[in-house]
Amino acid sequence: MNQSSETRTTTDHDEIRRWVEDHDGRPVTVRGTEGSGEDAGVLRIDFPGGASSGGKDDRLDPVEWDEWFRKFDDAGLAFLYQERRADGGDSTFFKLVSR
């Protein structure tokens, strides 16, 4: 049976947080990309086995969801994510895109 991967795009904070936490992810920013004042820097989601595990990328700083979503909204972003891979397996693919 040939299954296709399905992606969704949302700006709903609860939907994004639920998907990320269901995949054991956490909100982070990239250290060194902060601007002046309250700018949180470049947004990412870190998953187990991802860039920051095993010391692969020590430039990722965990942030609270409120801070992450404030930057997300201020930047006019939307969250594009994949529910399942084409083979039917669980996916942690996501992208931050312009609204």
PDB file of N, CA and C in Angstrom:
ATOM      1  N   MET A   1       0.831  -1.174   0.000  1.00  0.00           N
ATOM      2  CA  MET A   1       0.000   0.000   0.000  1.00  0.00           C
ATOM      3  C   MET A   1       0.886   1.251   0.000  1.00  0.00           C
ATOM      4  N   ASN A   2       0.619   2.161  -0.897  1.00  0.00           N
ATOM      5  CA  ASN A   2       1.419   3.366  -1.025  1.00  0.00           C
ATOM      6  C   ASN A   2       0.785   4.487  -0.216  1.00  0.00           C
ATOM      7  N   GLN A   3       1.431   4.864   0.875  1.00  0.00           N
ATOM      8  CA  GLN A   3       0.926   5.945   1.708  1.00  0.00           C
ATOM      9  C   GLN A   3       1.670   7.224   1.365  1.00  0.00           C
ATOM     10  N   SER A   4       0.995   8.341   1.471  1.00  0.00           N
ATOM     11  CA  SER A   4       1.672   9.603   1.217  1.00  0.00           C
ATOM     12  C   SER A   4       1.906  10.317   2.541  1.00  0.00           C
ATOM     13  N   SER A   5       2.920  11.154   2.556  1.00  0.00           N
ATOM     14  CA  SER A   5       3.162  11.947   3.751  1.00  0.00           C
ATOM     15  C   SER A   5       2.193  13.123   3.720  1.00  0.00           C
ATOM     16  N   GLU A   6       1.710  13.489   4.881  1.00  0.00           N
ATOM     17  CA  GLU A   6       0.757  14.585   4.969  1.00  0.00           C
ATOM     18  C   GLU A   6       1.362  15.698   5.807  1.00  0.00           C
ATOM     19  N   THR A   7       1.334  16.920   5.264  1.00  0.00           N
ATOM     20  CA  THR A   7       1.815  18.061   6.026  1.00  0.00           C
ATOM     21  C   THR A   7       0.645  18.972   6.343  1.00  0.00           C
ATOM     22  N   ARG A   8       0.807  19.686   7.446  1.00  0.00           N
ATOM     23  CA  ARG A   8      -0.185  20.673   7.872  1.00  0.00           C
ATOM     24  C   ARG A   8       0.562  21.957   8.184  1.00  0.00           C
ATOM     25  N   THR A   9      -0.127  23.061   8.027  1.00  0.00           N
ATOM     26  CA  THR A   9       0.433  24.356   8.404  1.00  0.00           C
ATOM     27  C   THR A   9      -0.535  25.003   9.379  1.00  0.00           C
ATOM     28  N   THR A  10       0.008  25.520  10.477  1.00  0.00           N
ATOM     29  CA  THR A  10      -0.838  26.125  11.500  1.00  0.00           C
ATOM     30  C   THR A  10      -0.124  27.286  12.176  1.00  0.00           C
ATOM     31  N   THR A  11      -0.917  28.154  12.793  1.00  0.00           N
ATOM     32  CA  THR A  11      -0.380  29.196  13.661  1.00  0.00           C
ATOM     33  C   THR A  11      -0.937  29.018  15.072  1.00  0.00           C
ATOM     34  N   ASP A  12      -1.698  27.949  15.287  1.00  0.00           N
ATOM     35  CA  ASP A  12      -2.348  27.690  16.571  1.00  0.00           C
ATOM     36  C   ASP A  12      -1.308  27.216  17.599  1.00  0.00           C
ATOM     37  N   HIS A  13      -1.118  28.003  18.647  1.00  0.00           N
ATOM     38  CA  HIS A  13      -0.103  27.697  19.649  1.00  0.00           C
ATOM     39  C   HIS A  13      -0.329  26.345  20.309  1.00  0.00           C
ATOM     40  N   ASP A  14      -1.583  26.033  20.636  1.00  0.00           N
ATOM     41  CA  ASP A  14      -1.873  24.759  21.302  1.00  0.00           C
ATOM     42  C   ASP A  14      -1.566  23.571  20.400  1.00  0.00           C
ATOM     43  N   GLU A  15      -1.896  23.675  19.133  1.00  0.00           N
ATOM     44  CA  GLU A  15      -1.624  22.593  18.181  1.00  0.00           C
ATOM     45  C   GLU A  15      -0.117  22.380  18.022  1.00  0.00           C
ATOM     46  N   ILE A  16       0.629  23.477  17.902  1.00  0.00           N
ATOM     47  CA  ILE A  16       2.081  23.387  17.751  1.00  0.00           C
ATOM     48  C   ILE A  16       2.703  22.758  18.996  1.00  0.00           C
ATOM     49  N   ARG A  17       2.341  23.276  20.148  1.00  0.00           N
ATOM     50  CA  ARG A  17       2.907  22.762  21.404  1.00  0.00           C
ATOM     51  C   ARG A  17       2.577  21.280  21.594  1.00  0.00           C
ATOM     52  N   ARG A  18       1.349  20.903  21.305  1.00  0.00           N
ATOM     53  CA  ARG A  18       0.935  19.505  21.446  1.00  0.00           C
ATOM     54  C   ARG A  18       1.764  18.600  20.527  1.00  0.00           C
ATOM     55  N   TRP A  19       1.932  18.998  19.251  1.00  0.00           N
ATOM     56  CA  TRP A  19       2.702  18.183  18.304  1.00  0.00           C
ATOM     57  C   TRP A  19       4.152  18.050  18.765  1.00  0.00           C
ATOM     58  N   VAL A  20       4.761  19.172  19.165  1.00  0.00           N
ATOM     59  CA  VAL A  20       6.159  19.162  19.601  1.00  0.00           C
ATOM     60  C   VAL A  20       6.318  18.265  20.828  1.00  0.00           C
ATOM     61  N   GLU A  21       5.463  18.448  21.831  1.00  0.00           N
ATOM     62  CA  GLU A  21       5.581  17.677  23.065  1.00  0.00           C
ATOM     63  C   GLU A  21       5.237  16.204  22.854  1.00  0.00           C
ATOM     64  N   ASP A  22       4.328  15.900  21.937  1.00  0.00           N
ATOM     65  CA  ASP A  22       4.021  14.504  21.597  1.00  0.00           C
ATOM     66  C   ASP A  22       5.236  13.797  21.011  1.00  0.00           C
ATOM     67  N   HIS A  23       6.166  14.581  20.451  1.00  0.00           N
ATOM     68  CA  HIS A  23       7.387  14.024  19.858  1.00  0.00           C
ATOM     69  C   HIS A  23       8.608  14.280  20.750  1.00  0.00           C
ATOM     70  N   ASP A  24       8.350  14.603  22.027  1.00  0.00           N
ATOM     71  CA  ASP A  24       9.406  14.836  23.022  1.00  0.00           C
ATOM     72  C   ASP A  24      10.333  15.984  22.643  1.00  0.00           C
ATOM     73  N   GLY A  25       9.815  16.949  21.884  1.00  0.00           N
ATOM     74  CA  GLY A  25      10.603  18.107  21.505  1.00  0.00           C
ATOM     75  C   GLY A  25      10.499  19.215  22.534  1.00  0.00           C
ATOM     76  N   ARG A  26      11.339  20.226  22.349  1.00  0.00           N
ATOM     77  CA  ARG A  26      11.316  21.393  23.229  1.00  0.00           C
ATOM     78  C   ARG A  26      11.681  22.627  22.419  1.00  0.00           C
ATOM     79  N   PRO A  27      11.133  23.785  22.809  1.00  0.00           N
ATOM     80  CA  PRO A  27      11.455  25.023  22.100  1.00  0.00           C
ATOM     81  C   PRO A  27      12.850  25.517  22.480  1.00  0.00           C
ATOM     82  N   VAL A  28      13.609  25.954  21.479  1.00  0.00           N
ATOM     83  CA  VAL A  28      14.959  26.481  21.697  1.00  0.00           C
ATOM     84  C   VAL A  28      15.189  27.662  20.758  1.00  0.00           C
ATOM     85  N   THR A  29      16.227  28.423  21.086  1.00  0.00           N
ATOM     86  CA  THR A  29      16.721  29.456  20.172  1.00  0.00           C
ATOM     87  C   THR A  29      18.196  29.166  19.904  1.00  0.00           C
ATOM     88  N   VAL A  30      18.707  29.752  18.832  1.00  0.00           N
ATOM     89  CA  VAL A  30      20.112  29.568  18.477  1.00  0.00           C
ATOM     90  C   VAL A  30      20.919  30.697  19.105  1.00  0.00           C
ATOM     91  N   ARG A  31      21.817  30.330  19.994  1.00  0.00           N
ATOM     92  CA  ARG A  31      22.649  31.311  20.694  1.00  0.00           C
ATOM     93  C   ARG A  31      23.469  32.111  19.694  1.00  0.00           C
ATOM     94  N   GLY A  32      23.559  33.420  19.931  1.00  0.00           N
ATOM     95  CA  GLY A  32      24.343  34.278  19.065  1.00  0.00           C
ATOM     96  C   GLY A  32      23.521  34.932  17.968  1.00  0.00           C
ATOM     97  N   THR A  33      22.221  34.589  17.884  1.00  0.00           N
ATOM     98  CA  THR A  33      21.364  35.186  16.851  1.00  0.00           C
ATOM     99  C   THR A  33      20.397  36.200  17.450  1.00  0.00           C
ATOM    100  N   GLU A  34      20.538  36.470  18.748  1.00  0.00           N
ATOM    101  CA  GLU A  34      19.652  37.412  19.402  1.00  0.00           C
ATOM    102  C   GLU A  34      19.892  38.819  18.875  1.00  0.00           C
ATOM    103  N   GLY A  35      18.828  39.579  18.821  1.00  0.00           N
ATOM    104  CA  GLY A  35      18.957  40.979  18.453  1.00  0.00           C
ATOM    105  C   GLY A  35      18.994  41.818  19.710  1.00  0.00           C
ATOM    106  N   SER A  36      18.762  43.088  19.552  1.00  0.00           N
ATOM    107  CA  SER A  36      18.758  43.967  20.712  1.00  0.00           C
ATOM    108  C   SER A  36      17.436  43.822  21.471  1.00  0.00           C
ATOM    109  N   GLY A  37      17.476  44.130  22.732  1.00  0.00           N
ATOM    110  CA  GLY A  37      16.265  44.116  23.544  1.00  0.00           C
ATOM    111  C   GLY A  37      15.732  42.729  23.799  1.00  0.00           C
ATOM    112  N   GLU A  38      14.456  42.536  23.465  1.00  0.00           N
ATOM    113  CA  GLU A  38      13.750  41.307  23.796  1.00  0.00           C
ATOM    114  C   GLU A  38      13.853  40.232  22.718  1.00  0.00           C
ATOM    115  N   ASP A  39      14.575  40.472  21.649  1.00  0.00           N
ATOM    116  CA  ASP A  39      14.640  39.528  20.538  1.00  0.00           C
ATOM    117  C   ASP A  39      15.237  38.200  21.000  1.00  0.00           C
ATOM    118  N   ALA A  40      14.466  37.111  20.820  1.00  0.00           N
ATOM    119  CA  ALA A  40      14.876  35.788  21.303  1.00  0.00           C
ATOM    120  C   ALA A  40      15.875  35.110  20.379  1.00  0.00           C
ATOM    121  N   GLY A  41      16.041  35.592  19.167  1.00  0.00           N
ATOM    122  CA  GLY A  41      16.946  34.952  18.228  1.00  0.00           C
ATOM    123  C   GLY A  41      16.228  33.957  17.340  1.00  0.00           C
ATOM    124  N   VAL A  42      16.996  33.191  16.577  1.00  0.00           N
ATOM    125  CA  VAL A  42      16.443  32.229  15.631  1.00  0.00           C
ATOM    126  C   VAL A  42      15.764  31.093  16.389  1.00  0.00           C
ATOM    127  N   LEU A  43      14.529  30.795  15.994  1.00  0.00           N
ATOM    128  CA  LEU A  43      13.739  29.761  16.656  1.00  0.00           C
ATOM    129  C   LEU A  43      13.996  28.390  16.056  1.00  0.00           C
ATOM    130  N   ARG A  44      14.000  27.387  16.907  1.00  0.00           N
ATOM    131  CA  ARG A  44      14.118  25.993  16.497  1.00  0.00           C
ATOM    132  C   ARG A  44      13.292  25.137  17.459  1.00  0.00           C
ATOM    133  N   ILE A  45      13.111  23.884  17.087  1.00  0.00           N
ATOM    134  CA  ILE A  45      12.580  22.866  17.986  1.00  0.00           C
ATOM    135  C   ILE A  45      13.656  21.798  18.066  1.00  0.00           C
ATOM    136  N   ASP A  46      13.982  21.378  19.275  1.00  0.00           N
ATOM    137  CA  ASP A  46      15.001  20.347  19.461  1.00  0.00           C
ATOM    138  C   ASP A  46      14.311  19.053  19.876  1.00  0.00           C
ATOM    139  N   PHE A  47      14.642  17.969  19.177  1.00  0.00           N
ATOM    140  CA  PHE A  47      14.083  16.649  19.465  1.00  0.00           C
ATOM    141  C   PHE A  47      15.185  15.732  19.986  1.00  0.00           C
ATOM    142  N   PRO A  48      14.824  14.707  20.775  1.00  0.00           N
ATOM    143  CA  PRO A  48      15.825  13.732  21.207  1.00  0.00           C
ATOM    144  C   PRO A  48      16.570  13.184  19.990  1.00  0.00           C
ATOM    145  N   GLY A  49      17.877  13.129  20.092  1.00  0.00           N
ATOM    146  CA  GLY A  49      18.677  12.679  18.962  1.00  0.00           C
ATOM    147  C   GLY A  49      18.942  13.789  17.960  1.00  0.00           C
ATOM    148  N   GLY A  50      18.467  14.997  18.268  1.00  0.00           N
ATOM    149  CA  GLY A  50      18.623  16.139  17.364  1.00  0.00           C
ATOM    150  C   GLY A  50      19.962  16.827  17.560  1.00  0.00           C
ATOM    151  N   ALA A  51      20.025  18.053  17.098  1.00  0.00           N
ATOM    152  CA  ALA A  51      21.290  18.795  17.038  1.00  0.00           C
ATOM    153  C   ALA A  51      21.956  18.972  18.391  1.00  0.00           C
ATOM    154  N   SER A  52      21.184  19.125  19.470  1.00  0.00           N
ATOM    155  CA  SER A  52      21.831  19.417  20.752  1.00  0.00           C
ATOM    156  C   SER A  52      22.147  18.162  21.550  1.00  0.00           C
ATOM    157  N   SER A  53      21.702  16.998  21.111  1.00  0.00           N
ATOM    158  CA  SER A  53      21.998  15.789  21.875  1.00  0.00           C
ATOM    159  C   SER A  53      23.442  15.362  21.651  1.00  0.00           C
ATOM    160  N   GLY A  54      24.032  14.827  22.667  1.00  0.00           N
ATOM    161  CA  GLY A  54      25.405  14.352  22.558  1.00  0.00           C
ATOM    162  C   GLY A  54      26.403  15.468  22.321  1.00  0.00           C
ATOM    163  N   GLY A  55      26.023  16.713  22.660  1.00  0.00           N
ATOM    164  CA  GLY A  55      26.935  17.829  22.508  1.00  0.00           C
ATOM    165  C   GLY A  55      27.170  18.245  21.072  1.00  0.00           C
ATOM    166  N   LYS A  56      26.334  17.805  20.147  1.00  0.00           N
ATOM    167  CA  LYS A  56      26.535  18.137  18.738  1.00  0.00           C
ATOM    168  C   LYS A  56      26.417  19.633  18.480  1.00  0.00           C
ATOM    169  N   ASP A  57      25.495  20.285  19.187  1.00  0.00           N
ATOM    170  CA  ASP A  57      25.298  21.716  18.967  1.00  0.00           C
ATOM    171  C   ASP A  57      25.014  22.379  20.308  1.00  0.00           C
ATOM    172  N   ASP A  58      26.035  22.969  20.895  1.00  0.00           N
ATOM    173  CA  ASP A  58      25.833  23.611  22.186  1.00  0.00           C
ATOM    174  C   ASP A  58      25.360  25.050  22.030  1.00  0.00           C
ATOM    175  N   ARG A  59      24.976  25.428  20.818  1.00  0.00           N
ATOM    176  CA  ARG A  59      24.478  26.784  20.582  1.00  0.00           C
ATOM    177  C   ARG A  59      22.966  26.877  20.769  1.00  0.00           C
ATOM    178  N   LEU A  60      22.287  25.789  21.098  1.00  0.00           N
ATOM    179  CA  LEU A  60      20.842  25.821  21.282  1.00  0.00           C
ATOM    180  C   LEU A  60      20.514  26.074  22.750  1.00  0.00           C
ATOM    181  N   ASP A  61      19.700  27.112  22.977  1.00  0.00           N
ATOM    182  CA  ASP A  61      19.296  27.469  24.333  1.00  0.00           C
ATOM    183  C   ASP A  61      17.804  27.191  24.508  1.00  0.00           C
ATOM    184  N   PRO A  62      17.436  26.359  25.491  1.00  0.00           N
ATOM    185  CA  PRO A  62      16.010  26.144  25.767  1.00  0.00           C
ATOM    186  C   PRO A  62      15.351  27.461  26.168  1.00  0.00           C
ATOM    187  N   VAL A  63      14.113  27.655  25.736  1.00  0.00           N
ATOM    188  CA  VAL A  63      13.332  28.827  26.122  1.00  0.00           C
ATOM    189  C   VAL A  63      11.937  28.360  26.525  1.00  0.00           C
ATOM    190  N   GLU A  64      11.244  29.210  27.251  1.00  0.00           N
ATOM    191  CA  GLU A  64       9.858  28.925  27.628  1.00  0.00           C
ATOM    192  C   GLU A  64       8.965  29.086  26.404  1.00  0.00           C
ATOM    193  N   TRP A  65       7.866  28.358  26.406  1.00  0.00           N
ATOM    194  CA  TRP A  65       6.933  28.451  25.281  1.00  0.00           C
ATOM    195  C   TRP A  65       6.446  29.877  25.056  1.00  0.00           C
ATOM    196  N   ASP A  66       6.165  30.618  26.140  1.00  0.00           N
ATOM    197  CA  ASP A  66       5.659  31.993  25.983  1.00  0.00           C
ATOM    198  C   ASP A  66       6.628  32.851  25.174  1.00  0.00           C
ATOM    199  N   GLU A  67       7.911  32.735  25.490  1.00  0.00           N
ATOM    200  CA  GLU A  67       8.924  33.507  24.771  1.00  0.00           C
ATOM    201  C   GLU A  67       9.018  33.043  23.307  1.00  0.00           C
ATOM    202  N   TRP A  68       9.004  31.737  23.095  1.00  0.00           N
ATOM    203  CA  TRP A  68       9.092  31.169  21.752  1.00  0.00           C
ATOM    204  C   TRP A  68       7.917  31.637  20.896  1.00  0.00           C
ATOM    205  N   PHE A  69       6.715  31.570  21.456  1.00  0.00           N
ATOM    206  CA  PHE A  69       5.531  31.982  20.691  1.00  0.00           C
ATOM    207  C   PHE A  69       5.476  33.492  20.468  1.00  0.00           C
ATOM    208  N   ARG A  70       6.001  34.280  21.391  1.00  0.00           N
ATOM    209  CA  ARG A  70       6.035  35.737  21.183  1.00  0.00           C
ATOM    210  C   ARG A  70       6.894  36.049  19.956  1.00  0.00           C
ATOM    211  N   LYS A  71       8.064  35.419  19.869  1.00  0.00           N
ATOM    212  CA  LYS A  71       8.945  35.621  18.714  1.00  0.00           C
ATOM    213  C   LYS A  71       8.297  35.079  17.435  1.00  0.00           C
ATOM    214  N   PHE A  72       7.667  33.927  17.531  1.00  0.00           N
ATOM    215  CA  PHE A  72       6.964  33.290  16.419  1.00  0.00           C
ATOM    216  C   PHE A  72       5.914  34.239  15.841  1.00  0.00           C
ATOM    217  N   ASP A  73       5.096  34.817  16.721  1.00  0.00           N
ATOM    218  CA  ASP A  73       4.041  35.745  16.276  1.00  0.00           C
ATOM    219  C   ASP A  73       4.625  37.056  15.758  1.00  0.00           C
ATOM    220  N   ASP A  74       5.619  37.594  16.464  1.00  0.00           N
ATOM    221  CA  ASP A  74       6.232  38.862  16.047  1.00  0.00           C
ATOM    222  C   ASP A  74       6.861  38.746  14.659  1.00  0.00           C
ATOM    223  N   ALA A  75       7.395  37.581  14.346  1.00  0.00           N
ATOM    224  CA  ALA A  75       8.048  37.368  13.054  1.00  0.00           C
ATOM    225  C   ALA A  75       7.054  36.977  11.956  1.00  0.00           C
ATOM    226  N   GLY A  76       5.774  36.821  12.307  1.00  0.00           N
ATOM    227  CA  GLY A  76       4.771  36.467  11.309  1.00  0.00           C
ATOM    228  C   GLY A  76       4.981  35.074  10.729  1.00  0.00           C
ATOM    229  N   LEU A  77       5.324  34.121  11.601  1.00  0.00           N
ATOM    230  CA  LEU A  77       5.615  32.767  11.143  1.00  0.00           C
ATOM    231  C   LEU A  77       4.408  31.840  11.251  1.00  0.00           C
ATOM    232  N   ALA A  78       4.472  30.768  10.498  1.00  0.00           N
ATOM    233  CA  ALA A  78       3.533  29.658  10.603  1.00  0.00           C
ATOM    234  C   ALA A  78       4.364  28.390  10.759  1.00  0.00           C
ATOM    235  N   PHE A  79       3.756  27.351  11.308  1.00  0.00           N
ATOM    236  CA  PHE A  79       4.444  26.089  11.601  1.00  0.00           C
ATOM    237  C   PHE A  79       3.946  25.032  10.627  1.00  0.00           C
ATOM    238  N   LEU A  80       4.817  24.594   9.737  1.00  0.00           N
ATOM    239  CA  LEU A  80       4.488  23.533   8.785  1.00  0.00           C
ATOM    240  C   LEU A  80       5.098  22.249   9.346  1.00  0.00           C
ATOM    241  N   TYR A  81       4.260  21.217   9.490  1.00  0.00           N
ATOM    242  CA  TYR A  81       4.785  19.975  10.045  1.00  0.00           C
ATOM    243  C   TYR A  81       4.183  18.769   9.347  1.00  0.00           C
ATOM    244  N   GLN A  82       4.877  17.654   9.489  1.00  0.00           N
ATOM    245  CA  GLN A  82       4.466  16.408   8.841  1.00  0.00           C
ATOM    246  C   GLN A  82       3.932  15.461   9.908  1.00  0.00           C
ATOM    247  N   GLU A  83       2.707  14.975   9.693  1.00  0.00           N
ATOM    248  CA  GLU A  83       2.098  14.016  10.615  1.00  0.00           C
ATOM    249  C   GLU A  83       2.780  12.655  10.521  1.00  0.00           C
ATOM    250  N   ARG A  84       2.957  12.182   9.308  1.00  0.00           N
ATOM    251  CA  ARG A  84       3.523  10.849   9.060  1.00  0.00           C
ATOM    252  C   ARG A  84       4.470  10.911   7.872  1.00  0.00           C
ATOM    253  N   ARG A  85       5.474  10.057   7.892  1.00  0.00           N
ATOM    254  CA  ARG A  85       6.341   9.909   6.722  1.00  0.00           C
ATOM    255  C   ARG A  85       5.572   9.135   5.657  1.00  0.00           C
ATOM    256  N   ALA A  86       6.096   9.127   4.452  1.00  0.00           N
ATOM    257  CA  ALA A  86       5.456   8.418   3.342  1.00  0.00           C
ATOM    258  C   ALA A  86       5.311   6.925   3.645  1.00  0.00           C
ATOM    259  N   ASP A  87       6.236   6.369   4.456  1.00  0.00           N
ATOM    260  CA  ASP A  87       6.153   4.940   4.786  1.00  0.00           C
ATOM    261  C   ASP A  87       5.198   4.662   5.948  1.00  0.00           C
ATOM    262  N   GLY A  88       4.536   5.721   6.454  1.00  0.00           N
ATOM    263  CA  GLY A  88       3.569   5.563   7.535  1.00  0.00           C
ATOM    264  C   GLY A  88       4.151   5.750   8.923  1.00  0.00           C
ATOM    265  N   GLY A  89       5.469   5.866   9.018  1.00  0.00           N
ATOM    266  CA  GLY A  89       6.109   6.054  10.319  1.00  0.00           C
ATOM    267  C   GLY A  89       5.915   7.461  10.846  1.00  0.00           C
ATOM    268  N   ASP A  90       6.144   7.606  12.140  1.00  0.00           N
ATOM    269  CA  ASP A  90       6.018   8.900  12.793  1.00  0.00           C
ATOM    270  C   ASP A  90       7.087   9.849  12.262  1.00  0.00           C
ATOM    271  N   SER A  91       6.776  11.132  12.183  1.00  0.00           N
ATOM    272  CA  SER A  91       7.704  12.109  11.636  1.00  0.00           C
ATOM    273  C   SER A  91       7.929  13.262  12.607  1.00  0.00           C
ATOM    274  N   THR A  92       9.150  13.788  12.626  1.00  0.00           N
ATOM    275  CA  THR A  92       9.437  15.019  13.370  1.00  0.00           C
ATOM    276  C   THR A  92       9.836  16.139  12.412  1.00  0.00           C
ATOM    277  N   PHE A  93       9.469  16.001  11.133  1.00  0.00           N
ATOM    278  CA  PHE A  93       9.780  17.049  10.163  1.00  0.00           C
ATOM    279  C   PHE A  93       8.899  18.262  10.414  1.00  0.00           C
ATOM    280  N   PHE A  94       9.532  19.440  10.454  1.00  0.00           N
ATOM    281  CA  PHE A  94       8.795  20.694  10.547  1.00  0.00           C
ATOM    282  C   PHE A  94       9.609  21.789   9.892  1.00  0.00           C
ATOM    283  N   LYS A  95       8.952  22.877   9.584  1.00  0.00           N
ATOM    284  CA  LYS A  95       9.593  24.073   9.038  1.00  0.00           C
ATOM    285  C   LYS A  95       8.835  25.284   9.522  1.00  0.00           C
ATOM    286  N   LEU A  96       9.553  26.338   9.827  1.00  0.00           N
ATOM    287  CA  LEU A  96       8.932  27.613  10.149  1.00  0.00           C
ATOM    288  C   LEU A  96       8.878  28.412   8.860  1.00  0.00           C
ATOM    289  N   VAL A  97       7.674  28.818   8.462  1.00  0.00           N
ATOM    290  CA  VAL A  97       7.469  29.502   7.194  1.00  0.00           C
ATOM    291  C   VAL A  97       6.728  30.819   7.421  1.00  0.00           C
ATOM    292  N   SER A  98       6.808  31.701   6.460  1.00  0.00           N
ATOM    293  CA  SER A  98       6.076  32.961   6.535  1.00  0.00           C
ATOM    294  C   SER A  98       4.579  32.708   6.388  1.00  0.00           C
ATOM    295  N   ARG A  99       3.794  33.518   7.105  1.00  0.00           N
ATOM    296  CA  ARG A  99       2.328  33.377   7.021  1.00  0.00           C
ATOM    297  C   ARG A  99       1.842  33.864   5.696  1.00  0.00           C
TER     298      ARG A  99
END
